[in-house]
N, C-alpha and C. Protein backbone atom coordinates (compact mmCIF):
# COMPACT_ATOMS: atom_id res chain seq x y z
N MET A 1 -4.88 -2.56 -14.87
CA MET A 1 -4.93 -1.21 -14.36
C MET A 1 -4.03 -1.12 -13.13
N GLU A 2 -2.98 -0.37 -13.23
CA GLU A 2 -2.12 -0.08 -12.08
C GLU A 2 -1.86 1.42 -12.07
N LYS A 3 -2.11 2.03 -10.92
CA LYS A 3 -1.85 3.46 -10.78
C LYS A 3 -1.18 3.70 -9.44
N ASP A 4 0.07 4.16 -9.48
CA ASP A 4 0.79 4.47 -8.25
C ASP A 4 0.20 5.74 -7.64
N ILE A 5 -0.08 5.67 -6.34
CA ILE A 5 -0.65 6.80 -5.61
C ILE A 5 0.44 7.58 -4.90
N GLY A 6 1.38 6.87 -4.26
CA GLY A 6 2.44 7.55 -3.54
C GLY A 6 3.39 6.58 -2.87
N GLU A 7 4.40 7.17 -2.23
CA GLU A 7 5.46 6.37 -1.63
C GLU A 7 5.98 7.09 -0.39
N ILE A 8 6.30 6.32 0.65
CA ILE A 8 6.90 6.86 1.87
C ILE A 8 8.23 6.15 2.08
N GLU A 9 9.31 6.90 2.14
CA GLU A 9 10.64 6.31 2.34
C GLU A 9 10.82 5.96 3.81
N LEU A 10 11.17 4.71 4.08
CA LEU A 10 11.44 4.26 5.44
C LEU A 10 12.92 4.30 5.75
N THR A 11 13.71 3.76 4.83
CA THR A 11 15.17 3.80 4.93
C THR A 11 15.70 4.10 3.53
N GLU A 12 17.02 4.13 3.41
CA GLU A 12 17.64 4.39 2.12
C GLU A 12 17.23 3.36 1.06
N SER A 13 16.97 2.13 1.49
CA SER A 13 16.66 1.07 0.54
C SER A 13 15.25 0.51 0.64
N THR A 14 14.44 1.03 1.55
CA THR A 14 13.09 0.48 1.77
C THR A 14 12.06 1.59 1.80
N SER A 15 10.95 1.36 1.12
CA SER A 15 9.86 2.32 1.15
C SER A 15 8.53 1.56 1.18
N ILE A 16 7.47 2.30 1.42
CA ILE A 16 6.12 1.75 1.35
C ILE A 16 5.47 2.41 0.14
N LYS A 17 4.93 1.59 -0.76
CA LYS A 17 4.26 2.12 -1.95
C LYS A 17 2.77 1.82 -1.86
N VAL A 18 2.00 2.80 -2.29
CA VAL A 18 0.54 2.66 -2.32
C VAL A 18 0.11 2.77 -3.77
N ARG A 19 -0.73 1.82 -4.20
CA ARG A 19 -1.20 1.84 -5.58
C ARG A 19 -2.59 1.26 -5.69
N ILE A 20 -3.28 1.69 -6.72
CA ILE A 20 -4.57 1.10 -7.06
C ILE A 20 -4.29 0.10 -8.18
N ASP A 21 -4.82 -1.11 -8.01
CA ASP A 21 -4.57 -2.14 -9.02
C ASP A 21 -5.75 -3.11 -9.08
N GLU A 22 -5.58 -4.14 -9.87
CA GLU A 22 -6.59 -5.18 -9.98
C GLU A 22 -5.97 -6.52 -9.60
N TYR A 23 -6.77 -7.36 -8.97
CA TYR A 23 -6.37 -8.72 -8.65
C TYR A 23 -7.57 -9.60 -8.97
N ASP A 24 -7.38 -10.59 -9.80
CA ASP A 24 -8.49 -11.44 -10.27
C ASP A 24 -9.60 -10.59 -10.87
N GLY A 25 -9.23 -9.51 -11.56
CA GLY A 25 -10.20 -8.65 -12.21
C GLY A 25 -10.95 -7.70 -11.30
N LYS A 26 -10.57 -7.65 -10.02
CA LYS A 26 -11.27 -6.80 -9.06
C LYS A 26 -10.34 -5.68 -8.60
N PRO A 27 -10.82 -4.43 -8.60
CA PRO A 27 -9.98 -3.30 -8.19
C PRO A 27 -9.80 -3.25 -6.67
N GLY A 28 -8.70 -2.64 -6.27
CA GLY A 28 -8.44 -2.47 -4.85
C GLY A 28 -7.22 -1.60 -4.62
N LEU A 29 -6.92 -1.38 -3.37
CA LEU A 29 -5.77 -0.59 -2.95
C LEU A 29 -4.72 -1.53 -2.36
N THR A 30 -3.49 -1.41 -2.83
CA THR A 30 -2.40 -2.24 -2.33
C THR A 30 -1.37 -1.36 -1.63
N ILE A 31 -0.98 -1.77 -0.42
CA ILE A 31 0.05 -1.08 0.35
C ILE A 31 1.13 -2.12 0.64
N ARG A 32 2.31 -1.95 0.02
CA ARG A 32 3.37 -2.96 0.17
C ARG A 32 4.74 -2.32 0.32
N LYS A 33 5.62 -3.08 0.96
CA LYS A 33 7.02 -2.67 1.08
C LYS A 33 7.71 -2.87 -0.27
N PHE A 34 8.59 -1.95 -0.59
CA PHE A 34 9.37 -1.99 -1.82
C PHE A 34 10.83 -1.82 -1.44
N ILE A 35 11.70 -2.72 -1.91
CA ILE A 35 13.12 -2.63 -1.56
C ILE A 35 13.97 -2.45 -2.81
N THR A 36 15.10 -1.80 -2.60
CA THR A 36 16.09 -1.61 -3.66
C THR A 36 17.43 -2.08 -3.10
N SER A 37 17.98 -3.14 -3.69
CA SER A 37 19.27 -3.64 -3.23
C SER A 37 20.03 -4.22 -4.42
N GLU A 38 21.25 -4.65 -4.15
CA GLU A 38 22.06 -5.26 -5.21
C GLU A 38 21.45 -6.57 -5.68
N ARG A 39 20.83 -7.31 -4.78
CA ARG A 39 20.30 -8.63 -5.11
C ARG A 39 18.89 -8.60 -5.66
N TYR A 40 18.09 -7.61 -5.22
CA TYR A 40 16.69 -7.59 -5.62
C TYR A 40 16.13 -6.18 -5.54
N THR A 41 15.36 -5.81 -6.52
CA THR A 41 14.62 -4.55 -6.49
C THR A 41 13.17 -4.86 -6.85
N GLY A 42 12.28 -4.54 -5.95
CA GLY A 42 10.87 -4.78 -6.21
C GLY A 42 10.08 -4.90 -4.93
N PHE A 43 8.82 -5.31 -5.09
CA PHE A 43 7.93 -5.46 -3.95
C PHE A 43 8.29 -6.70 -3.14
N THR A 44 8.10 -6.60 -1.84
CA THR A 44 8.25 -7.76 -0.97
C THR A 44 6.87 -8.39 -0.78
N LYS A 45 6.81 -9.45 -0.02
CA LYS A 45 5.53 -10.08 0.29
C LYS A 45 4.80 -9.35 1.41
N GLN A 46 5.50 -8.43 2.08
CA GLN A 46 4.92 -7.71 3.21
C GLN A 46 4.00 -6.60 2.72
N GLY A 47 2.76 -6.67 3.11
CA GLY A 47 1.83 -5.64 2.72
C GLY A 47 0.40 -6.11 2.88
N VAL A 48 -0.50 -5.29 2.36
CA VAL A 48 -1.92 -5.59 2.49
C VAL A 48 -2.63 -5.09 1.24
N ARG A 49 -3.70 -5.76 0.88
CA ARG A 49 -4.54 -5.33 -0.24
C ARG A 49 -5.95 -5.18 0.28
N VAL A 50 -6.53 -4.02 0.02
CA VAL A 50 -7.90 -3.73 0.45
C VAL A 50 -8.79 -3.71 -0.80
N PRO A 51 -9.71 -4.66 -0.90
CA PRO A 51 -10.61 -4.66 -2.06
C PRO A 51 -11.46 -3.39 -2.08
N ALA A 52 -11.82 -2.94 -3.26
CA ALA A 52 -12.58 -1.69 -3.41
C ALA A 52 -13.85 -1.69 -2.57
N GLU A 53 -14.52 -2.85 -2.47
CA GLU A 53 -15.78 -2.89 -1.72
C GLU A 53 -15.58 -2.74 -0.21
N LYS A 54 -14.35 -2.87 0.28
CA LYS A 54 -14.03 -2.70 1.70
C LYS A 54 -13.33 -1.37 1.98
N TRP A 55 -13.14 -0.54 0.94
CA TRP A 55 -12.39 0.70 1.08
C TRP A 55 -13.00 1.63 2.13
N LYS A 56 -14.31 1.83 2.12
CA LYS A 56 -14.93 2.76 3.08
C LYS A 56 -14.73 2.29 4.52
N ASP A 57 -14.80 0.97 4.76
CA ASP A 57 -14.55 0.43 6.10
C ASP A 57 -13.09 0.68 6.50
N PHE A 58 -12.17 0.44 5.58
CA PHE A 58 -10.75 0.65 5.85
C PHE A 58 -10.48 2.13 6.13
N LYS A 59 -11.08 3.02 5.34
CA LYS A 59 -10.87 4.46 5.53
C LYS A 59 -11.39 4.91 6.89
N LYS A 60 -12.49 4.35 7.35
CA LYS A 60 -13.00 4.68 8.69
C LYS A 60 -11.96 4.33 9.76
N LEU A 61 -11.31 3.18 9.60
CA LEU A 61 -10.27 2.79 10.56
C LEU A 61 -9.08 3.74 10.51
N ILE A 62 -8.69 4.15 9.32
CA ILE A 62 -7.57 5.09 9.17
C ILE A 62 -7.94 6.43 9.80
N ASP A 63 -9.17 6.91 9.54
CA ASP A 63 -9.61 8.17 10.14
C ASP A 63 -9.63 8.08 11.67
N GLN A 64 -10.05 6.93 12.18
CA GLN A 64 -10.08 6.73 13.63
C GLN A 64 -8.66 6.75 14.20
N ALA A 65 -7.73 6.08 13.52
CA ALA A 65 -6.34 6.07 13.96
C ALA A 65 -5.76 7.48 13.90
N ASP A 66 -6.13 8.22 12.87
CA ASP A 66 -5.64 9.59 12.71
C ASP A 66 -6.05 10.45 13.91
N SER A 67 -7.29 10.33 14.33
CA SER A 67 -7.75 11.13 15.47
C SER A 67 -7.07 10.67 16.78
N GLU A 68 -6.73 9.41 16.89
CA GLU A 68 -6.03 8.91 18.08
C GLU A 68 -4.57 9.39 18.13
N LEU A 69 -3.97 9.58 16.97
CA LEU A 69 -2.55 9.96 16.91
C LEU A 69 -2.33 11.47 17.04
N GLU A 70 -3.39 12.26 16.92
CA GLU A 70 -3.22 13.72 17.00
C GLU A 70 -3.04 14.18 18.42
């Protein structure tokens, strides 16, 4: 199960992609850098995966950061 949620362009050749996927049979949210170049196109090792059971804790942190940035 892989479902792309969205993408944020950082530069002409680099973006951040967010997707829901499975790892070892467990669902979660993956946020990773994606590059497009002559030598390589695909995900880099830079990123984070949040297991589904930790999603609510992660979302609380994002909401807290959101209120700090406003």
